[in-house]
């Protein structure tokens, strides 16, 4: 009986350790996603700015 309780306790401890590990990994992944979303927004803004500058330059080019 004691052996089975010890095994059960060990399995519960393992499950708890996995849960803690997964929660930590989940938080890290969420932070990484937030960083990537911010980078994506920044790059999109740069693309829009570049597009506007190119369009403005194209209007100044002489037509053939």
Protein backbone atom coordinates (compact mmCIF):
# COMPACT_ATOMS: atom_id res chain seq x y z
CA UNK A 1 0.00 0.00 0.00
CA UNK A 2 2.80 2.39 0.90
CA UNK A 3 4.62 1.58 -2.31
CA UNK A 4 1.57 2.39 -4.44
CA UNK A 5 1.04 5.65 -2.56
CA UNK A 6 4.69 6.55 -3.09
CA UNK A 7 4.34 5.81 -6.81
CA UNK A 8 1.18 7.90 -6.98
CA UNK A 9 2.90 10.76 -5.17
CA UNK A 10 5.83 10.54 -7.57
CA UNK A 11 3.51 10.62 -10.60
CA UNK A 12 1.62 13.61 -9.21
CA UNK A 13 4.93 15.40 -8.63
CA UNK A 14 5.93 14.65 -12.23
CA UNK A 15 2.62 15.98 -13.55
CA UNK A 16 2.99 19.15 -11.49
CA UNK A 17 6.53 19.65 -12.80
CA UNK A 18 5.31 19.26 -16.39
CA UNK A 19 2.49 21.74 -15.75
CA UNK A 20 4.91 24.31 -14.33
CA UNK A 21 7.26 23.78 -17.26
CA UNK A 22 4.44 24.15 -19.79
CA UNK A 23 3.13 27.28 -18.09
CA UNK A 24 6.61 28.83 -18.19
CA UNK A 25 7.03 27.88 -21.84
CA UNK A 26 3.58 29.28 -22.65
CA UNK A 27 4.44 32.63 -21.06
CA UNK A 28 7.72 32.78 -22.97
CA UNK A 29 5.95 31.98 -26.23
CA UNK A 30 3.31 34.64 -25.60
CA UNK A 31 6.04 37.21 -24.99
CA UNK A 32 7.80 36.14 -28.18
CA UNK A 33 4.56 36.44 -30.16
CA UNK A 34 4.03 39.93 -28.77
CA UNK A 35 7.57 40.91 -29.83
CA UNK A 36 7.01 39.51 -33.32
CA UNK A 37 3.69 41.33 -33.65
CA UNK A 38 5.37 44.60 -32.67
CA UNK A 39 8.14 43.97 -35.19
CA UNK A 40 5.55 43.17 -37.87
CA UNK A 41 3.72 46.44 -37.17
CA UNK A 42 6.98 48.37 -37.35
CA UNK A 43 7.92 46.75 -40.65
CA UNK A 44 4.47 47.40 -42.09
CA UNK A 45 4.83 51.06 -41.17
CA UNK A 46 8.23 51.22 -42.86
CA UNK A 47 6.78 49.60 -45.98
CA UNK A 48 3.94 52.12 -46.09
CA UNK A 49 6.36 55.02 -45.65
CA UNK A 50 8.61 53.68 -48.40
CA UNK A 51 5.65 53.14 -50.71
CA UNK A 52 4.50 56.73 -50.16
CA UNK A 53 8.00 58.07 -50.89
CA UNK A 54 8.30 56.01 -54.07
CA UNK A 55 4.89 57.14 -55.26
CA UNK A 56 5.85 60.76 -54.59
CA UNK A 57 9.09 60.32 -56.54
CA UNK A 58 7.25 58.68 -59.42
CA UNK A 59 4.96 61.69 -59.78
CA UNK A 60 8.06 63.88 -60.20
CA UNK A 61 9.52 61.75 -63.00
CA UNK A 62 9.10 63.12 -66.51
CA UNK A 63 6.70 61.17 -68.66
CA UNK A 64 8.07 59.58 -71.80
